[in-house]
Amino acid sequence: YQLGIAKSVDEKVIGTREEEEVVSN
């Protein structure tokens, strides 16, 4: 949500491989 991948904290989405790497970092 903070990165703008999801529109809300409750939105359950998975980003692209690159986005998920950023989330993991």
PDB file of all heavy atoms in Angstrom:
ATOM      1  N   TYR A   1       0.839  -1.204   0.000  1.00  0.00           N
ATOM      2  CA  TYR A   1       0.000   0.000   0.000  1.00  0.00           C
ATOM      3  C   TYR A   1       0.872   1.252   0.000  1.00  0.00           C
ATOM      4  O   TYR A   1       0.655   2.183  -0.775  1.00  0.00           O
ATOM      5  CB  TYR A   1      -0.934  -0.016   1.216  1.00  0.00           C
ATOM      6  CG  TYR A   1      -1.617   1.300   1.460  1.00  0.00           C
ATOM      7  CD1 TYR A   1      -2.563   1.804   0.557  1.00  0.00           C
ATOM      8  CD2 TYR A   1      -1.311   2.054   2.586  1.00  0.00           C
ATOM      9  CE1 TYR A   1      -3.179   3.029   0.777  1.00  0.00           C
ATOM     10  CE2 TYR A   1      -1.922   3.269   2.804  1.00  0.00           C
ATOM     11  CZ  TYR A   1      -2.859   3.747   1.895  1.00  0.00           C
ATOM     12  OH  TYR A   1      -3.460   4.966   2.117  1.00  0.00           O
ATOM     13  N   GLN A   2       1.891   1.286   0.855  1.00  0.00           N
ATOM     14  CA  GLN A   2       2.781   2.446   0.921  1.00  0.00           C
ATOM     15  C   GLN A   2       3.488   2.698  -0.403  1.00  0.00           C
ATOM     16  O   GLN A   2       3.756   3.842  -0.756  1.00  0.00           O
ATOM     17  CB  GLN A   2       3.816   2.266   2.033  1.00  0.00           C
ATOM     18  CG  GLN A   2       3.229   2.373   3.420  1.00  0.00           C
ATOM     19  CD  GLN A   2       4.282   2.187   4.480  1.00  0.00           C
ATOM     20  OE1 GLN A   2       5.046   1.228   4.457  1.00  0.00           O
ATOM     21  NE2 GLN A   2       4.332   3.116   5.413  1.00  0.00           N
ATOM     22  N   LEU A   3       3.797   1.640  -1.132  1.00  0.00           N
ATOM     23  CA  LEU A   3       4.489   1.763  -2.418  1.00  0.00           C
ATOM     24  C   LEU A   3       3.539   2.060  -3.574  1.00  0.00           C
ATOM     25  O   LEU A   3       3.982   2.301  -4.687  1.00  0.00           O
ATOM     26  CB  LEU A   3       5.268   0.476  -2.722  1.00  0.00           C
ATOM     27  CG  LEU A   3       6.450   0.166  -1.811  1.00  0.00           C
ATOM     28  CD1 LEU A   3       6.998  -1.222  -2.115  1.00  0.00           C
ATOM     29  CD2 LEU A   3       7.526   1.221  -1.929  1.00  0.00           C
ATOM     30  N   GLY A   4       2.227   2.022  -3.303  1.00  0.00           N
ATOM     31  CA  GLY A   4       1.252   2.279  -4.357  1.00  0.00           C
ATOM     32  C   GLY A   4       0.921   1.050  -5.193  1.00  0.00           C
ATOM     33  O   GLY A   4       0.250   1.164  -6.217  1.00  0.00           O
ATOM     34  N   ILE A   5       1.380  -0.121  -4.776  1.00  0.00           N
ATOM     35  CA  ILE A   5       1.057  -1.360  -5.487  1.00  0.00           C
ATOM     36  C   ILE A   5      -0.405  -1.724  -5.227  1.00  0.00           C
ATOM     37  O   ILE A   5      -1.092  -2.223  -6.106  1.00  0.00           O
ATOM     38  CB  ILE A   5       2.004  -2.502  -5.056  1.00  0.00           C
ATOM     39  CG1 ILE A   5       3.458  -2.140  -5.420  1.00  0.00           C
ATOM     40  CG2 ILE A   5       1.594  -3.828  -5.687  1.00  0.00           C
ATOM     41  CD1 ILE A   5       4.498  -3.048  -4.792  1.00  0.00           C
ATOM     42  N   ALA A   6      -0.862  -1.456  -4.015  1.00  0.00           N
ATOM     43  CA  ALA A   6      -2.261  -1.694  -3.626  1.00  0.00           C
ATOM     44  C   ALA A   6      -2.934  -0.349  -3.371  1.00  0.00           C
ATOM     45  O   ALA A   6      -2.288   0.611  -2.944  1.00  0.00           O
ATOM     46  CB  ALA A   6      -2.315  -2.554  -2.368  1.00  0.00           C
ATOM     47  N   LYS A   7      -4.243  -0.300  -3.610  1.00  0.00           N
ATOM     48  CA  LYS A   7      -4.999   0.943  -3.411  1.00  0.00           C
ATOM     49  C   LYS A   7      -5.386   1.171  -1.956  1.00  0.00           C
ATOM     50  O   LYS A   7      -5.713   2.280  -1.557  1.00  0.00           O
ATOM     51  CB  LYS A   7      -6.253   0.925  -4.284  1.00  0.00           C
ATOM     52  CG  LYS A   7      -5.958   0.974  -5.767  1.00  0.00           C
ATOM     53  CD  LYS A   7      -7.249   0.909  -6.580  1.00  0.00           C
ATOM     54  CE  LYS A   7      -6.978   0.948  -8.055  1.00  0.00           C
ATOM     55  NZ  LYS A   7      -6.519  -0.313  -8.608  1.00  0.00           N
ATOM     56  N   SER A   8      -5.363   0.097  -1.149  1.00  0.00           N
ATOM     57  CA  SER A   8      -5.655   0.205   0.281  1.00  0.00           C
ATOM     58  C   SER A   8      -4.889  -0.886   1.006  1.00  0.00           C
ATOM     59  O   SER A   8      -4.412  -1.840   0.392  1.00  0.00           O
ATOM     60  CB  SER A   8      -7.155   0.064   0.552  1.00  0.00           C
ATOM     61  OG  SER A   8      -7.550  -1.288   0.450  1.00  0.00           O
ATOM     62  N   VAL A   9      -4.795  -0.766   2.318  1.00  0.00           N
ATOM     63  CA  VAL A   9      -4.106  -1.774   3.125  1.00  0.00           C
ATOM     64  C   VAL A   9      -4.843  -3.109   3.033  1.00  0.00           C
ATOM     65  O   VAL A   9      -4.239  -4.173   3.088  1.00  0.00           O
ATOM     66  CB  VAL A   9      -4.009  -1.313   4.595  1.00  0.00           C
ATOM     67  CG1 VAL A   9      -3.398  -2.384   5.468  1.00  0.00           C
ATOM     68  CG2 VAL A   9      -3.213  -0.037   4.694  1.00  0.00           C
ATOM     69  N   ASP A  10      -6.163  -3.043   2.886  1.00  0.00           N
ATOM     70  CA  ASP A  10      -6.966  -4.263   2.853  1.00  0.00           C
ATOM     71  C   ASP A  10      -7.026  -4.911   1.472  1.00  0.00           C
ATOM     72  O   ASP A  10      -7.506  -6.028   1.346  1.00  0.00           O
ATOM     73  CB  ASP A  10      -8.384  -3.961   3.337  1.00  0.00           C
ATOM     74  CG  ASP A  10      -8.389  -3.557   4.803  1.00  0.00           C
ATOM     75  OD1 ASP A  10      -7.612  -4.143   5.576  1.00  0.00           O
ATOM     76  OD2 ASP A  10      -9.153  -2.650   5.159  1.00  0.00           O
ATOM     77  N   GLU A  11      -6.525  -4.210   0.440  1.00  0.00           N
ATOM     78  CA  GLU A  11      -6.521  -4.806  -0.887  1.00  0.00           C
ATOM     79  C   GLU A  11      -5.427  -5.872  -0.938  1.00  0.00           C
ATOM     80  O   GLU A  11      -4.262  -5.602  -0.665  1.00  0.00           O
ATOM     81  CB  GLU A  11      -6.266  -3.751  -1.969  1.00  0.00           C
ATOM     82  CG  GLU A  11      -6.332  -4.325  -3.355  1.00  0.00           C
ATOM     83  CD  GLU A  11      -6.020  -3.313  -4.447  1.00  0.00           C
ATOM     84  OE1 GLU A  11      -5.328  -2.309  -4.162  1.00  0.00           O
ATOM     85  OE2 GLU A  11      -6.460  -3.527  -5.564  1.00  0.00           O
ATOM     86  N   LYS A  12      -5.818  -7.070  -1.260  1.00  0.00           N
ATOM     87  CA  LYS A  12      -4.895  -8.201  -1.266  1.00  0.00           C
ATOM     88  C   LYS A  12      -4.394  -8.428  -2.685  1.00  0.00           C
ATOM     89  O   LYS A  12      -5.053  -9.067  -3.498  1.00  0.00           O
ATOM     90  CB  LYS A  12      -5.574  -9.457  -0.731  1.00  0.00           C
ATOM     91  CG  LYS A  12      -6.199  -9.286   0.642  1.00  0.00           C
ATOM     92  CD  LYS A  12      -5.176  -8.900   1.691  1.00  0.00           C
ATOM     93  CE  LYS A  12      -5.841  -8.745   3.046  1.00  0.00           C
ATOM     94  NZ  LYS A  12      -4.934  -8.318   4.070  1.00  0.00           N
ATOM     95  N   VAL A  13      -3.236  -7.845  -2.995  1.00  0.00           N
ATOM     96  CA  VAL A  13      -2.644  -7.987  -4.323  1.00  0.00           C
ATOM     97  C   VAL A  13      -1.195  -8.439  -4.180  1.00  0.00           C
ATOM     98  O   VAL A  13      -0.582  -8.281  -3.135  1.00  0.00           O
ATOM     99  CB  VAL A  13      -2.682  -6.653  -5.117  1.00  0.00           C
ATOM    100  CG1 VAL A  13      -4.097  -6.182  -5.339  1.00  0.00           C
ATOM    101  CG2 VAL A  13      -1.856  -5.584  -4.429  1.00  0.00           C
ATOM    102  N   ILE A  14      -0.686  -8.995  -5.252  1.00  0.00           N
ATOM    103  CA  ILE A  14       0.727  -9.348  -5.342  1.00  0.00           C
ATOM    104  C   ILE A  14       1.295  -8.539  -6.502  1.00  0.00           C
ATOM    105  O   ILE A  14       0.702  -8.498  -7.575  1.00  0.00           O
ATOM    106  CB  ILE A  14       0.921 -10.859  -5.610  1.00  0.00           C
ATOM    107  CG1 ILE A  14       0.242 -11.712  -4.527  1.00  0.00           C
ATOM    108  CG2 ILE A  14       2.405 -11.211  -5.734  1.00  0.00           C
ATOM    109  CD1 ILE A  14       0.829 -11.568  -3.150  1.00  0.00           C
ATOM    110  N   GLY A  15       2.426  -7.909  -6.265  1.00  0.00           N
ATOM    111  CA  GLY A  15       3.047  -7.105  -7.310  1.00  0.00           C
ATOM    112  C   GLY A  15       3.842  -7.948  -8.285  1.00  0.00           C
ATOM    113  O   GLY A  15       3.887  -9.171  -8.182  1.00  0.00           O
ATOM    114  N   THR A  16       4.489  -7.276  -9.213  1.00  0.00           N
ATOM    115  CA  THR A  16       5.378  -7.956 -10.149  1.00  0.00           C
ATOM    116  C   THR A  16       6.570  -8.510  -9.381  1.00  0.00           C
ATOM    117  O   THR A  16       6.790  -8.172  -8.208  1.00  0.00           O
ATOM    118  CB  THR A  16       5.885  -6.973 -11.217  1.00  0.00           C
ATOM    119  OG1 THR A  16       6.693  -5.973 -10.562  1.00  0.00           O
ATOM    120  CG2 THR A  16       4.737  -6.317 -11.974  1.00  0.00           C
ATOM    121  N   ARG A  17       7.360  -9.311 -10.036  1.00  0.00           N
ATOM    122  CA  ARG A  17       8.559  -9.871  -9.391  1.00  0.00           C
ATOM    123  C   ARG A  17       9.449  -8.737  -8.845  1.00  0.00           C
ATOM    124  O   ARG A  17       9.941  -8.805  -7.722  1.00  0.00           O
ATOM    125  CB  ARG A  17       9.328 -10.740 -10.380  1.00  0.00           C
ATOM    126  CG  ARG A  17      10.705 -11.150  -9.869  1.00  0.00           C
ATOM    127  CD  ARG A  17      11.392 -12.122 -10.773  1.00  0.00           C
ATOM    128  NE  ARG A  17      11.117 -13.432 -10.186  1.00  0.00           N
ATOM    129  CZ  ARG A  17      10.732 -14.490 -10.873  1.00  0.00           C
ATOM    130  NH1 ARG A  17      10.581 -14.445 -12.152  1.00  0.00           N
ATOM    131  NH2 ARG A  17      10.515 -15.635 -10.262  1.00  0.00           N
ATOM    132  N   GLU A  18       9.629  -7.685  -9.646  1.00  0.00           N
ATOM    133  CA  GLU A  18      10.466  -6.554  -9.225  1.00  0.00           C
ATOM    134  C   GLU A  18       9.853  -5.828  -8.033  1.00  0.00           C
ATOM    135  O   GLU A  18      10.555  -5.450  -7.090  1.00  0.00           O
ATOM    136  CB  GLU A  18      10.668  -5.573 -10.389  1.00  0.00           C
ATOM    137  CG  GLU A  18      11.480  -6.128 -11.550  1.00  0.00           C
ATOM    138  CD  GLU A  18      10.680  -7.049 -12.483  1.00  0.00           C
ATOM    139  OE1 GLU A  18       9.423  -6.996 -12.466  1.00  0.00           O
ATOM    140  OE2 GLU A  18      11.322  -7.835 -13.214  1.00  0.00           O
ATOM    141  N   GLU A  19       8.540  -5.617  -8.084  1.00  0.00           N
ATOM    142  CA  GLU A  19       7.868  -4.947  -6.961  1.00  0.00           C
ATOM    143  C   GLU A  19       7.968  -5.771  -5.683  1.00  0.00           C
ATOM    144  O   GLU A  19       8.216  -5.229  -4.598  1.00  0.00           O
ATOM    145  CB  GLU A  19       6.394  -4.703  -7.307  1.00  0.00           C
ATOM    146  CG  GLU A  19       6.192  -3.621  -8.351  1.00  0.00           C
ATOM    147  CD  GLU A  19       4.766  -3.541  -8.857  1.00  0.00           C
ATOM    148  OE1 GLU A  19       4.041  -4.573  -8.852  1.00  0.00           O
ATOM    149  OE2 GLU A  19       4.363  -2.429  -9.277  1.00  0.00           O
ATOM    150  N   GLU A  20       7.807  -7.084  -5.807  1.00  0.00           N
ATOM    151  CA  GLU A  20       7.886  -7.951  -4.625  1.00  0.00           C
ATOM    152  C   GLU A  20       9.307  -7.981  -4.062  1.00  0.00           C
ATOM    153  O   GLU A  20       9.493  -8.131  -2.851  1.00  0.00           O
ATOM    154  CB  GLU A  20       7.379  -9.358  -4.950  1.00  0.00           C
ATOM    155  CG  GLU A  20       5.874  -9.414  -5.149  1.00  0.00           C
ATOM    156  CD  GLU A  20       5.082  -8.916  -3.945  1.00  0.00           C
ATOM    157  OE1 GLU A  20       5.307  -9.390  -2.812  1.00  0.00           O
ATOM    158  OE2 GLU A  20       4.204  -8.050  -4.145  1.00  0.00           O
ATOM    159  N   GLU A  21      10.323  -7.822  -4.901  1.00  0.00           N
ATOM    160  CA  GLU A  21      11.701  -7.703  -4.407  1.00  0.00           C
ATOM    161  C   GLU A  21      11.861  -6.457  -3.551  1.00  0.00           C
ATOM    162  O   GLU A  21      12.500  -6.489  -2.502  1.00  0.00           O
ATOM    163  CB  GLU A  21      12.685  -7.644  -5.588  1.00  0.00           C
ATOM    164  CG  GLU A  21      13.250  -8.973  -5.957  1.00  0.00           C
ATOM    165  CD  GLU A  21      14.310  -8.848  -7.041  1.00  0.00           C
ATOM    166  OE1 GLU A  21      15.236  -8.008  -6.921  1.00  0.00           O
ATOM    167  OE2 GLU A  21      14.208  -9.614  -8.013  1.00  0.00           O
ATOM    168  N   VAL A  22      11.272  -5.356  -4.006  1.00  0.00           N
ATOM    169  CA  VAL A  22      11.312  -4.109  -3.235  1.00  0.00           C
ATOM    170  C   VAL A  22      10.577  -4.300  -1.911  1.00  0.00           C
ATOM    171  O   VAL A  22      11.064  -3.889  -0.853  1.00  0.00           O
ATOM    172  CB  VAL A  22      10.713  -2.930  -4.040  1.00  0.00           C
ATOM    173  CG1 VAL A  22      10.587  -1.682  -3.181  1.00  0.00           C
ATOM    174  CG2 VAL A  22      11.549  -2.643  -5.277  1.00  0.00           C
ATOM    175  N   VAL A  23       9.414  -4.952  -1.947  1.00  0.00           N
ATOM    176  CA  VAL A  23       8.653  -5.226  -0.725  1.00  0.00           C
ATOM    177  C   VAL A  23       9.512  -6.044   0.243  1.00  0.00           C
ATOM    178  O   VAL A  23       9.601  -5.733   1.438  1.00  0.00           O
ATOM    179  CB  VAL A  23       7.328  -5.952  -1.048  1.00  0.00           C
ATOM    180  CG1 VAL A  23       6.646  -6.446   0.229  1.00  0.00           C
ATOM    181  CG2 VAL A  23       6.389  -5.045  -1.836  1.00  0.00           C
ATOM    182  N   SER A  24      10.179  -7.071  -0.263  1.00  0.00           N
ATOM    183  CA  SER A  24      11.036  -7.916   0.584  1.00  0.00           C
ATOM    184  C   SER A  24      12.188  -7.123   1.179  1.00  0.00           C
ATOM    185  O   SER A  24      12.533  -7.297   2.352  1.00  0.00           O
ATOM    186  CB  SER A  24      11.584  -9.097  -0.215  1.00  0.00           C
ATOM    187  OG  SER A  24      10.538  -9.965  -0.578  1.00  0.00           O
ATOM    188  N   ASN A  25      12.807  -6.254   0.393  1.00  0.00           N
ATOM    189  CA  ASN A  25      13.916  -5.439   0.903  1.00  0.00           C
ATOM    190  C   ASN A  25      13.454  -4.521   2.026  1.00  0.00           C
ATOM    191  O   ASN A  25      14.138  -4.383   3.045  1.00  0.00           O
ATOM    192  CB  ASN A  25      14.552  -4.626  -0.224  1.00  0.00           C
ATOM    193  CG  ASN A  25      15.359  -5.488  -1.176  1.00  0.00           C
ATOM    194  OD1 ASN A  25      15.812  -6.565  -0.819  1.00  0.00           O
ATOM    195  ND2 ASN A  25      15.516  -5.023  -2.401  1.00  0.00           N
TER     196      ASN A  25
END
